[in-house]
All heavy atoms as atom14 arrays in JSON, in Angstrom:
{
  "sequence": "GSTDYAASVKGRFTISRDNAKNTVYLQMNSLRPEDTAVYYCAVRGTP",
  "atom14_mask": [
    [1, 1, 1, 1, 0, 0, 0, 0, 0, 0, 0, 0, 0, 0],
    [1, 1, 1, 1, 1, 1, 0, 0, 0, 0, 0, 0, 0, 0],
    [1, 1, 1, 1, 1, 1, 1, 0, 0, 0, 0, 0, 0, 0],
    [1, 1, 1, 1, 1, 1, 1, 1, 0, 0, 0, 0, 0, 0],
    [1, 1, 1, 1, 1, 1, 1, 1, 1, 1, 1, 1, 0, 0],
    [1, 1, 1, 1, 1, 0, 0, 0, 0, 0, 0, 0, 0, 0],
    [1, 1, 1, 1, 1, 0, 0, 0, 0, 0, 0, 0, 0, 0],
    [1, 1, 1, 1, 1, 1, 0, 0, 0, 0, 0, 0, 0, 0],
    [1, 1, 1, 1, 1, 1, 1, 0, 0, 0, 0, 0, 0, 0],
    [1, 1, 1, 1, 1, 1, 1, 1, 1, 0, 0, 0, 0, 0],
    [1, 1, 1, 1, 0, 0, 0, 0, 0, 0, 0, 0, 0, 0],
    [1, 1, 1, 1, 1, 1, 1, 1, 1, 1, 1, 0, 0, 0],
    [1, 1, 1, 1, 1, 1, 1, 1, 1, 1, 1, 0, 0, 0],
    [1, 1, 1, 1, 1, 1, 1, 0, 0, 0, 0, 0, 0, 0],
    [1, 1, 1, 1, 1, 1, 1, 1, 0, 0, 0, 0, 0, 0],
    [1, 1, 1, 1, 1, 1, 0, 0, 0, 0, 0, 0, 0, 0],
    [1, 1, 1, 1, 1, 1, 1, 1, 1, 1, 1, 0, 0, 0],
    [1, 1, 1, 1, 1, 1, 1, 1, 0, 0, 0, 0, 0, 0],
    [1, 1, 1, 1, 1, 1, 1, 1, 0, 0, 0, 0, 0, 0],
    [1, 1, 1, 1, 1, 0, 0, 0, 0, 0, 0, 0, 0, 0],
    [1, 1, 1, 1, 1, 1, 1, 1, 1, 0, 0, 0, 0, 0],
    [1, 1, 1, 1, 1, 1, 1, 1, 0, 0, 0, 0, 0, 0],
    [1, 1, 1, 1, 1, 1, 1, 0, 0, 0, 0, 0, 0, 0],
    [1, 1, 1, 1, 1, 1, 1, 0, 0, 0, 0, 0, 0, 0],
    [1, 1, 1, 1, 1, 1, 1, 1, 1, 1, 1, 1, 0, 0],
    [1, 1, 1, 1, 1, 1, 1, 1, 0, 0, 0, 0, 0, 0],
    [1, 1, 1, 1, 1, 1, 1, 1, 1, 0, 0, 0, 0, 0],
    [1, 1, 1, 1, 1, 1, 1, 1, 0, 0, 0, 0, 0, 0],
    [1, 1, 1, 1, 1, 1, 1, 1, 0, 0, 0, 0, 0, 0],
    [1, 1, 1, 1, 1, 1, 0, 0, 0, 0, 0, 0, 0, 0],
    [1, 1, 1, 1, 1, 1, 1, 1, 0, 0, 0, 0, 0, 0],
    [1, 1, 1, 1, 1, 1, 1, 1, 1, 1, 1, 0, 0, 0],
    [1, 1, 1, 1, 1, 1, 1, 0, 0, 0, 0, 0, 0, 0],
    [1, 1, 1, 1, 1, 1, 1, 1, 1, 0, 0, 0, 0, 0],
    [1, 1, 1, 1, 1, 1, 1, 1, 0, 0, 0, 0, 0, 0],
    [1, 1, 1, 1, 1, 1, 1, 0, 0, 0, 0, 0, 0, 0],
    [1, 1, 1, 1, 1, 0, 0, 0, 0, 0, 0, 0, 0, 0],
    [1, 1, 1, 1, 1, 1, 1, 0, 0, 0, 0, 0, 0, 0],
    [1, 1, 1, 1, 1, 1, 1, 1, 1, 1, 1, 1, 0, 0],
    [1, 1, 1, 1, 1, 1, 1, 1, 1, 1, 1, 1, 0, 0],
    [1, 1, 1, 1, 1, 1, 0, 0, 0, 0, 0, 0, 0, 0],
    [1, 1, 1, 1, 1, 0, 0, 0, 0, 0, 0, 0, 0, 0],
    [1, 1, 1, 1, 1, 1, 1, 0, 0, 0, 0, 0, 0, 0],
    [1, 1, 1, 1, 1, 1, 1, 1, 1, 1, 1, 0, 0, 0],
    [1, 1, 1, 1, 0, 0, 0, 0, 0, 0, 0, 0, 0, 0],
    [1, 1, 1, 1, 1, 1, 1, 0, 0, 0, 0, 0, 0, 0],
    [1, 1, 1, 1, 1, 1, 1, 0, 0, 0, 0, 0, 0, 0]
  ],
  "atom14_positions": [
    [[101.38, 100.37, 98.32], [102.43, 100.07, 99.26], [103.58, 101.06, 99.31], [104.29, 101.13, 100.32], [0.0, 0.0, 0.0], [0.0, 0.0, 0.0], [0.0, 0.0, 0.0], [0.0, 0.0, 0.0], [0.0, 0.0, 0.0], [0.0, 0.0, 0.0], [0.0, 0.0, 0.0], [0.0, 0.0, 0.0], [0.0, 0.0, 0.0], [0.0, 0.0, 0.0]],
    [[103.78, 101.81, 98.23], [104.93, 102.7, 98.14], [104.52, 104.0, 97.47], [103.6, 104.03, 96.65], [106.05, 102.05, 97.33], [106.47, 100.84, 97.92], [0.0, 0.0, 0.0], [0.0, 0.0, 0.0], [0.0, 0.0, 0.0], [0.0, 0.0, 0.0], [0.0, 0.0, 0.0], [0.0, 0.0, 0.0], [0.0, 0.0, 0.0], [0.0, 0.0, 0.0]],
    [[105.24, 105.06, 97.81], [105.0, 106.37, 97.21], [106.32, 107.03, 96.84], [107.37, 106.7, 97.4], [104.22, 107.3, 98.16], [104.97, 107.48, 99.37], [102.86, 106.71, 98.5], [0.0, 0.0, 0.0], [0.0, 0.0, 0.0], [0.0, 0.0, 0.0], [0.0, 0.0, 0.0], [0.0, 0.0, 0.0], [0.0, 0.0, 0.0], [0.0, 0.0, 0.0]],
    [[106.25, 107.96, 95.92], [107.41, 108.76, 95.56], [106.93, 110.13, 95.12], [105.78, 110.29, 94.69], [108.23, 108.08, 94.47], [109.67, 108.58, 94.43], [110.1, 109.26, 95.38], [110.37, 108.27, 93.45], [0.0, 0.0, 0.0], [0.0, 0.0, 0.0], [0.0, 0.0, 0.0], [0.0, 0.0, 0.0], [0.0, 0.0, 0.0], [0.0, 0.0, 0.0]],
    [[107.83, 111.11, 95.21], [107.46, 112.5, 95.0], [108.54, 113.24, 94.23], [109.72, 112.9, 94.29], [107.27, 113.21, 96.34], [106.23, 112.57, 97.22], [106.57, 111.56, 98.1], [104.9, 112.98, 97.15], [105.61, 110.96, 98.9], [103.94, 112.39, 97.95], [104.3, 111.37, 98.81], [103.34, 110.78, 99.6], [0.0, 0.0, 0.0], [0.0, 0.0, 0.0]],
    [[108.1, 114.28, 93.55], [109.05, 115.21, 92.99], [109.8, 115.91, 94.12], [109.24, 116.16, 95.2], [108.34, 116.25, 92.12], [0.0, 0.0, 0.0], [0.0, 0.0, 0.0], [0.0, 0.0, 0.0], [0.0, 0.0, 0.0], [0.0, 0.0, 0.0], [0.0, 0.0, 0.0], [0.0, 0.0, 0.0], [0.0, 0.0, 0.0], [0.0, 0.0, 0.0]],
    [[111.06, 116.24, 93.87], [111.85, 116.88, 94.91], [111.22, 118.18, 95.39], [111.32, 118.54, 96.57], [113.26, 117.15, 94.39], [0.0, 0.0, 0.0], [0.0, 0.0, 0.0], [0.0, 0.0, 0.0], [0.0, 0.0, 0.0], [0.0, 0.0, 0.0], [0.0, 0.0, 0.0], [0.0, 0.0, 0.0], [0.0, 0.0, 0.0], [0.0, 0.0, 0.0]],
    [[110.54, 118.88, 94.51], [109.96, 120.17, 94.85], [108.8, 120.08, 95.84], [108.45, 121.09, 96.46], [109.5, 120.89, 93.58], [108.53, 120.12, 92.89], [0.0, 0.0, 0.0], [0.0, 0.0, 0.0], [0.0, 0.0, 0.0], [0.0, 0.0, 0.0], [0.0, 0.0, 0.0], [0.0, 0.0, 0.0], [0.0, 0.0, 0.0], [0.0, 0.0, 0.0]],
    [[108.2, 118.9, 95.98], [107.05, 118.76, 96.87], [107.3, 117.78, 98.01], [106.46, 117.68, 98.92], [105.78, 118.34, 96.1], [105.53, 119.28, 94.93], [105.87, 116.89, 95.63], [0.0, 0.0, 0.0], [0.0, 0.0, 0.0], [0.0, 0.0, 0.0], [0.0, 0.0, 0.0], [0.0, 0.0, 0.0], [0.0, 0.0, 0.0], [0.0, 0.0, 0.0]],
    [[108.41, 117.08, 97.98], [108.68, 116.09, 99.01], [108.7, 116.74, 100.38], [109.32, 117.77, 100.58], [110.0, 115.38, 98.73], [110.24, 114.17, 99.6], [111.48, 113.41, 99.17], [111.68, 112.15, 99.97], [112.87, 111.38, 99.53], [0.0, 0.0, 0.0], [0.0, 0.0, 0.0], [0.0, 0.0, 0.0], [0.0, 0.0, 0.0], [0.0, 0.0, 0.0]],
    [[108.01, 116.11, 101.32], [107.9, 116.65, 102.66], [106.71, 117.56, 102.85], [106.36, 117.87, 103.99], [0.0, 0.0, 0.0], [0.0, 0.0, 0.0], [0.0, 0.0, 0.0], [0.0, 0.0, 0.0], [0.0, 0.0, 0.0], [0.0, 0.0, 0.0], [0.0, 0.0, 0.0], [0.0, 0.0, 0.0], [0.0, 0.0, 0.0], [0.0, 0.0, 0.0]],
    [[106.1, 118.01, 101.77], [104.94, 118.88, 101.85], [103.67, 118.21, 101.36], [102.58, 118.49, 101.87], [105.17, 120.16, 101.03], [106.37, 120.97, 101.51], [106.43, 122.32, 100.79], [106.63, 122.16, 99.35], [105.8, 122.6, 98.41], [104.69, 123.25, 98.77], [106.07, 122.43, 97.13], [0.0, 0.0, 0.0], [0.0, 0.0, 0.0], [0.0, 0.0, 0.0]],
    [[103.8, 117.35, 100.36], [102.64, 116.68, 99.75], [102.64, 115.22, 100.14], [103.7, 114.6, 100.3], [102.69, 116.78, 98.24], [102.46, 118.15, 97.66], [102.46, 119.29, 98.45], [102.27, 118.29, 96.3], [102.26, 120.55, 97.91], [102.07, 119.55, 95.74], [102.07, 120.67, 96.54], [0.0, 0.0, 0.0], [0.0, 0.0, 0.0], [0.0, 0.0, 0.0]],
    [[101.46, 114.65, 100.24], [101.3, 113.23, 100.52], [100.25, 112.65, 99.59], [99.12, 113.14, 99.54], [100.88, 112.99, 101.98], [101.84, 113.55, 102.86], [100.77, 111.49, 102.25], [0.0, 0.0, 0.0], [0.0, 0.0, 0.0], [0.0, 0.0, 0.0], [0.0, 0.0, 0.0], [0.0, 0.0, 0.0], [0.0, 0.0, 0.0], [0.0, 0.0, 0.0]],
    [[100.61, 111.6, 98.88], [99.67, 110.89, 98.04], [99.19, 109.65, 98.78], [99.97, 108.99, 99.48], [100.29, 110.53, 96.67], [99.24, 109.93, 95.74], [101.49, 109.6, 96.83], [99.74, 109.73, 94.31], [0.0, 0.0, 0.0], [0.0, 0.0, 0.0], [0.0, 0.0, 0.0], [0.0, 0.0, 0.0], [0.0, 0.0, 0.0], [0.0, 0.0, 0.0]],
    [[97.92, 109.35, 98.65], [97.35, 108.17, 99.27], [96.22, 107.66, 98.4], [95.79, 108.34, 97.46], [96.86, 108.47, 100.69], [95.84, 109.44, 100.68], [0.0, 0.0, 0.0], [0.0, 0.0, 0.0], [0.0, 0.0, 0.0], [0.0, 0.0, 0.0], [0.0, 0.0, 0.0], [0.0, 0.0, 0.0], [0.0, 0.0, 0.0], [0.0, 0.0, 0.0]],
    [[95.74, 106.48, 98.71], [94.64, 105.93, 97.93], [93.72, 105.13, 98.82], [94.13, 104.54, 99.83], [95.16, 105.07, 96.76], [95.89, 103.81, 97.17], [96.61, 103.19, 95.98], [95.71, 102.82, 94.9], [96.11, 102.55, 93.65], [97.39, 102.63, 93.32], [95.2, 102.21, 92.73], [0.0, 0.0, 0.0], [0.0, 0.0, 0.0], [0.0, 0.0, 0.0]],
    [[92.46, 105.11, 98.43], [91.44, 104.3, 99.06], [90.94, 103.36, 97.97], [90.13, 103.75, 97.13], [90.32, 105.16, 99.62], [89.27, 104.36, 100.37], [89.15, 103.15, 100.14], [88.57, 104.96, 101.2], [0.0, 0.0, 0.0], [0.0, 0.0, 0.0], [0.0, 0.0, 0.0], [0.0, 0.0, 0.0], [0.0, 0.0, 0.0], [0.0, 0.0, 0.0]],
    [[91.42, 102.14, 97.99], [91.11, 101.22, 96.9], [89.63, 100.84, 96.88], [89.08, 100.58, 95.81], [91.98, 99.98, 97.0], [93.43, 100.27, 96.66], [93.72, 101.1, 95.8], [94.35, 99.59, 97.32], [0.0, 0.0, 0.0], [0.0, 0.0, 0.0], [0.0, 0.0, 0.0], [0.0, 0.0, 0.0], [0.0, 0.0, 0.0], [0.0, 0.0, 0.0]],
    [[88.99, 100.8, 98.04], [87.57, 100.49, 98.08], [86.75, 101.54, 97.36], [85.67, 101.24, 96.85], [87.1, 100.34, 99.53], [0.0, 0.0, 0.0], [0.0, 0.0, 0.0], [0.0, 0.0, 0.0], [0.0, 0.0, 0.0], [0.0, 0.0, 0.0], [0.0, 0.0, 0.0], [0.0, 0.0, 0.0], [0.0, 0.0, 0.0], [0.0, 0.0, 0.0]],
    [[87.25, 102.77, 97.32], [86.55, 103.87, 96.66], [87.14, 104.2, 95.3], [86.66, 105.14, 94.65], [86.57, 105.11, 97.54], [85.84, 104.95, 98.86], [85.91, 106.23, 99.67], [85.14, 106.1, 100.97], [85.21, 107.34, 101.78], [0.0, 0.0, 0.0], [0.0, 0.0, 0.0], [0.0, 0.0, 0.0], [0.0, 0.0, 0.0], [0.0, 0.0, 0.0]],
    [[88.16, 103.47, 94.87], [88.84, 103.78, 93.61], [89.26, 105.24, 93.56], [89.13, 105.91, 92.53], [87.96, 103.44, 92.41], [87.98, 101.97, 92.07], [88.91, 101.24, 92.41], [86.95, 101.52, 91.37], [0.0, 0.0, 0.0], [0.0, 0.0, 0.0], [0.0, 0.0, 0.0], [0.0, 0.0, 0.0], [0.0, 0.0, 0.0], [0.0, 0.0, 0.0]],
    [[89.77, 105.73, 94.67], [90.08, 107.15, 94.8], [91.52, 107.35, 95.24], [92.02, 106.63, 96.11], [89.13, 107.82, 95.79], [87.78, 107.69, 95.33], [89.45, 109.29, 95.95], [0.0, 0.0, 0.0], [0.0, 0.0, 0.0], [0.0, 0.0, 0.0], [0.0, 0.0, 0.0], [0.0, 0.0, 0.0], [0.0, 0.0, 0.0], [0.0, 0.0, 0.0]],
    [[92.17, 108.33, 94.64], [93.5, 108.74, 95.04], [93.43, 110.17, 95.54], [92.64, 110.99, 95.04], [94.51, 108.59, 93.87], [94.17, 109.51, 92.72], [95.93, 108.83, 94.36], [0.0, 0.0, 0.0], [0.0, 0.0, 0.0], [0.0, 0.0, 0.0], [0.0, 0.0, 0.0], [0.0, 0.0, 0.0], [0.0, 0.0, 0.0], [0.0, 0.0, 0.0]],
    [[94.25, 110.49, 96.54], [94.25, 111.8, 97.16], [95.64, 112.42, 97.07], [96.65, 111.73, 97.01], [93.86, 111.7, 98.63], [92.54, 111.03, 98.87], [92.47, 109.67, 99.16], [91.35, 111.75, 98.82], [91.26, 109.04, 99.38], [90.13, 111.13, 99.04], [90.09, 109.78, 99.32], [88.88, 109.17, 99.54], [0.0, 0.0, 0.0], [0.0, 0.0, 0.0]],
    [[95.65, 113.72, 97.11], [96.9, 114.45, 97.24], [96.71, 115.51, 98.32], [96.02, 116.51, 98.1], [97.31, 115.11, 95.92], [98.69, 115.78, 95.95], [99.79, 114.74, 96.08], [98.9, 116.63, 94.69], [0.0, 0.0, 0.0], [0.0, 0.0, 0.0], [0.0, 0.0, 0.0], [0.0, 0.0, 0.0], [0.0, 0.0, 0.0], [0.0, 0.0, 0.0]],
    [[97.29, 115.26, 99.47], [97.28, 116.23, 100.56], [98.44, 117.19, 100.35], [99.59, 116.76, 100.29], [97.4, 115.53, 101.9], [97.45, 116.47, 103.1], [96.15, 117.22, 103.3], [95.08, 116.63, 103.26], [96.24, 118.52, 103.51], [0.0, 0.0, 0.0], [0.0, 0.0, 0.0], [0.0, 0.0, 0.0], [0.0, 0.0, 0.0], [0.0, 0.0, 0.0]],
    [[98.14, 118.46, 100.24], [99.14, 119.47, 99.95], [99.22, 120.43, 101.12], [98.24, 121.13, 101.42], [98.8, 120.22, 98.66], [98.62, 119.31, 97.46], [98.39, 120.23, 95.91], [96.81, 121.0, 96.25], [0.0, 0.0, 0.0], [0.0, 0.0, 0.0], [0.0, 0.0, 0.0], [0.0, 0.0, 0.0], [0.0, 0.0, 0.0], [0.0, 0.0, 0.0]],
    [[100.36, 120.47, 101.77], [100.59, 121.36, 102.89], [101.7, 122.35, 102.55], [102.47, 122.14, 101.62], [100.98, 120.56, 104.14], [99.9, 119.61, 104.59], [98.71, 119.89, 104.47], [100.31, 118.47, 105.13], [0.0, 0.0, 0.0], [0.0, 0.0, 0.0], [0.0, 0.0, 0.0], [0.0, 0.0, 0.0], [0.0, 0.0, 0.0], [0.0, 0.0, 0.0]],
    [[101.78, 123.4, 103.33], [102.82, 124.42, 103.15], [102.9, 124.87, 101.7], [103.98, 124.95, 101.11], [104.17, 123.87, 103.63], [104.12, 123.5, 104.98], [0.0, 0.0, 0.0], [0.0, 0.0, 0.0], [0.0, 0.0, 0.0], [0.0, 0.0, 0.0], [0.0, 0.0, 0.0], [0.0, 0.0, 0.0], [0.0, 0.0, 0.0], [0.0, 0.0, 0.0]],
    [[101.76, 125.18, 101.15], [101.7, 125.54, 99.74], [102.45, 126.83, 99.45], [102.46, 127.75, 100.26], [100.25, 125.65, 99.29], [99.56, 124.3, 99.07], [98.06, 124.46, 99.06], [100.05, 123.68, 97.76], [0.0, 0.0, 0.0], [0.0, 0.0, 0.0], [0.0, 0.0, 0.0], [0.0, 0.0, 0.0], [0.0, 0.0, 0.0], [0.0, 0.0, 0.0]],
    [[103.04, 126.86, 98.28], [103.83, 127.99, 97.81], [103.24, 128.53, 96.51], [102.61, 127.78, 95.77], [105.28, 127.57, 97.57], [105.95, 126.93, 98.77], [107.22, 126.24, 98.34], [107.91, 125.61, 99.48], [108.91, 124.77, 99.35], [109.37, 124.43, 98.15], [109.47, 124.24, 100.44], [0.0, 0.0, 0.0], [0.0, 0.0, 0.0], [0.0, 0.0, 0.0]],
    [[103.48, 129.79, 96.19], [102.98, 130.31, 94.92], [103.43, 129.49, 93.71], [102.67, 129.36, 92.75], [103.55, 131.73, 94.88], [103.62, 132.11, 96.32], [104.05, 130.86, 97.03], [0.0, 0.0, 0.0], [0.0, 0.0, 0.0], [0.0, 0.0, 0.0], [0.0, 0.0, 0.0], [0.0, 0.0, 0.0], [0.0, 0.0, 0.0], [0.0, 0.0, 0.0]],
    [[104.62, 128.94, 93.76], [105.1, 128.14, 92.64], [104.39, 126.81, 92.5], [104.6, 126.09, 91.51], [106.62, 127.92, 92.74], [107.08, 127.34, 94.07], [107.56, 128.41, 95.05], [106.93, 129.47, 95.15], [108.6, 128.16, 95.72], [0.0, 0.0, 0.0], [0.0, 0.0, 0.0], [0.0, 0.0, 0.0], [0.0, 0.0, 0.0], [0.0, 0.0, 0.0]],
    [[103.53, 126.45, 93.45], [102.69, 125.28, 93.32], [101.45, 125.55, 92.46], [100.71, 124.61, 92.15], [102.23, 124.76, 94.69], [103.38, 124.27, 95.54], [104.27, 123.59, 95.0], [103.38, 124.57, 96.75], [0.0, 0.0, 0.0], [0.0, 0.0, 0.0], [0.0, 0.0, 0.0], [0.0, 0.0, 0.0], [0.0, 0.0, 0.0], [0.0, 0.0, 0.0]],
    [[101.23, 126.79, 92.11], [100.08, 127.15, 91.3], [100.14, 126.43, 89.95], [101.12, 126.54, 89.22], [100.02, 128.66, 91.08], [99.81, 129.31, 92.34], [98.9, 129.04, 90.13], [0.0, 0.0, 0.0], [0.0, 0.0, 0.0], [0.0, 0.0, 0.0], [0.0, 0.0, 0.0], [0.0, 0.0, 0.0], [0.0, 0.0, 0.0], [0.0, 0.0, 0.0]],
    [[99.09, 125.7, 89.64], [99.04, 124.92, 88.41], [97.69, 124.23, 88.31], [96.92, 124.21, 89.27], [100.16, 123.86, 88.39], [0.0, 0.0, 0.0], [0.0, 0.0, 0.0], [0.0, 0.0, 0.0], [0.0, 0.0, 0.0], [0.0, 0.0, 0.0], [0.0, 0.0, 0.0], [0.0, 0.0, 0.0], [0.0, 0.0, 0.0], [0.0, 0.0, 0.0]],
    [[97.43, 123.67, 87.15], [96.35, 122.72, 87.01], [96.9, 121.35, 87.4], [97.92, 120.92, 86.86], [95.78, 122.69, 85.58], [94.7, 121.63, 85.46], [95.23, 124.06, 85.21], [0.0, 0.0, 0.0], [0.0, 0.0, 0.0], [0.0, 0.0, 0.0], [0.0, 0.0, 0.0], [0.0, 0.0, 0.0], [0.0, 0.0, 0.0], [0.0, 0.0, 0.0]],
    [[96.22, 120.69, 88.31], [96.65, 119.39, 88.79], [95.81, 118.29, 88.16], [94.58, 118.38, 88.14], [96.55, 119.32, 90.31], [97.67, 120.04, 91.0], [97.74, 121.43, 90.98], [98.68, 119.35, 91.67], [98.78, 122.11, 91.59], [99.72, 120.01, 92.28], [99.77, 121.39, 92.24], [100.81, 122.06, 92.86], [0.0, 0.0, 0.0], [0.0, 0.0, 0.0]],
    [[96.48, 117.28, 87.66], [95.84, 116.17, 86.98], [96.14, 114.86, 87.7], [97.29, 114.62, 88.1], [96.35, 116.03, 85.55], [96.1, 117.22, 84.67], [97.03, 118.26, 84.59], [94.95, 117.3, 83.89], [96.8, 119.35, 83.77], [94.73, 118.38, 83.07], [95.65, 119.41, 83.0], [95.43, 120.48, 82.18], [0.0, 0.0, 0.0], [0.0, 0.0, 0.0]],
    [[95.14, 114.02, 87.84], [95.39, 112.66, 88.3], [95.43, 111.74, 87.1], [94.87, 112.03, 86.03], [94.34, 112.2, 89.31], [92.66, 112.06, 88.67], [0.0, 0.0, 0.0], [0.0, 0.0, 0.0], [0.0, 0.0, 0.0], [0.0, 0.0, 0.0], [0.0, 0.0, 0.0], [0.0, 0.0, 0.0], [0.0, 0.0, 0.0], [0.0, 0.0, 0.0]],
    [[96.11, 110.62, 87.27], [96.3, 109.69, 86.17], [96.4, 108.27, 86.7], [96.81, 108.05, 87.83], [97.56, 110.05, 85.39], [0.0, 0.0, 0.0], [0.0, 0.0, 0.0], [0.0, 0.0, 0.0], [0.0, 0.0, 0.0], [0.0, 0.0, 0.0], [0.0, 0.0, 0.0], [0.0, 0.0, 0.0], [0.0, 0.0, 0.0], [0.0, 0.0, 0.0]],
    [[96.03, 107.33, 85.85], [96.1, 105.92, 86.16], [96.91, 105.22, 85.08], [96.71, 105.47, 83.89], [94.7, 105.28, 86.24], [94.8, 103.78, 86.45], [93.88, 105.93, 87.34], [0.0, 0.0, 0.0], [0.0, 0.0, 0.0], [0.0, 0.0, 0.0], [0.0, 0.0, 0.0], [0.0, 0.0, 0.0], [0.0, 0.0, 0.0], [0.0, 0.0, 0.0]],
    [[97.81, 104.36, 85.51], [98.5, 103.49, 84.57], [97.7, 102.2, 84.45], [97.73, 101.36, 85.34], [99.93, 103.19, 85.0], [100.67, 102.3, 84.01], [102.12, 102.05, 84.4], [102.73, 101.03, 83.56], [103.34, 101.26, 82.4], [103.42, 102.5, 81.93], [103.87, 100.26, 81.71], [0.0, 0.0, 0.0], [0.0, 0.0, 0.0], [0.0, 0.0, 0.0]],
    [[97.0, 102.06, 83.35], [96.19, 100.88, 83.12], [96.85, 99.83, 82.26], [96.19, 98.86, 81.89], [0.0, 0.0, 0.0], [0.0, 0.0, 0.0], [0.0, 0.0, 0.0], [0.0, 0.0, 0.0], [0.0, 0.0, 0.0], [0.0, 0.0, 0.0], [0.0, 0.0, 0.0], [0.0, 0.0, 0.0], [0.0, 0.0, 0.0], [0.0, 0.0, 0.0]],
    [[98.1, 100.02, 81.94], [98.88, 99.1, 81.12], [99.79, 98.27, 82.03], [99.91, 98.56, 83.22], [99.68, 99.87, 80.06], [100.42, 100.92, 80.69], [98.74, 100.49, 79.03], [0.0, 0.0, 0.0], [0.0, 0.0, 0.0], [0.0, 0.0, 0.0], [0.0, 0.0, 0.0], [0.0, 0.0, 0.0], [0.0, 0.0, 0.0], [0.0, 0.0, 0.0]],
    [[100.45, 97.24, 81.51], [101.26, 96.38, 82.39], [102.3, 97.15, 83.19], [102.87, 98.14, 82.72], [101.91, 95.41, 81.4], [100.91, 95.29, 80.31], [100.34, 96.67, 80.15], [0.0, 0.0, 0.0], [0.0, 0.0, 0.0], [0.0, 0.0, 0.0], [0.0, 0.0, 0.0], [0.0, 0.0, 0.0], [0.0, 0.0, 0.0], [0.0, 0.0, 0.0]]
  ]
}
């Protein structure tokens, strides 16, 4: 229902999820060299 972003990517990246597929996405637009990194997804499985 809600999303939030780091200031450095706000307006350029969009996170979404497809619960039927247990999948989360990160759409990254207007990429910059400083976006270069290893990207990790994570799940909070605790309360």
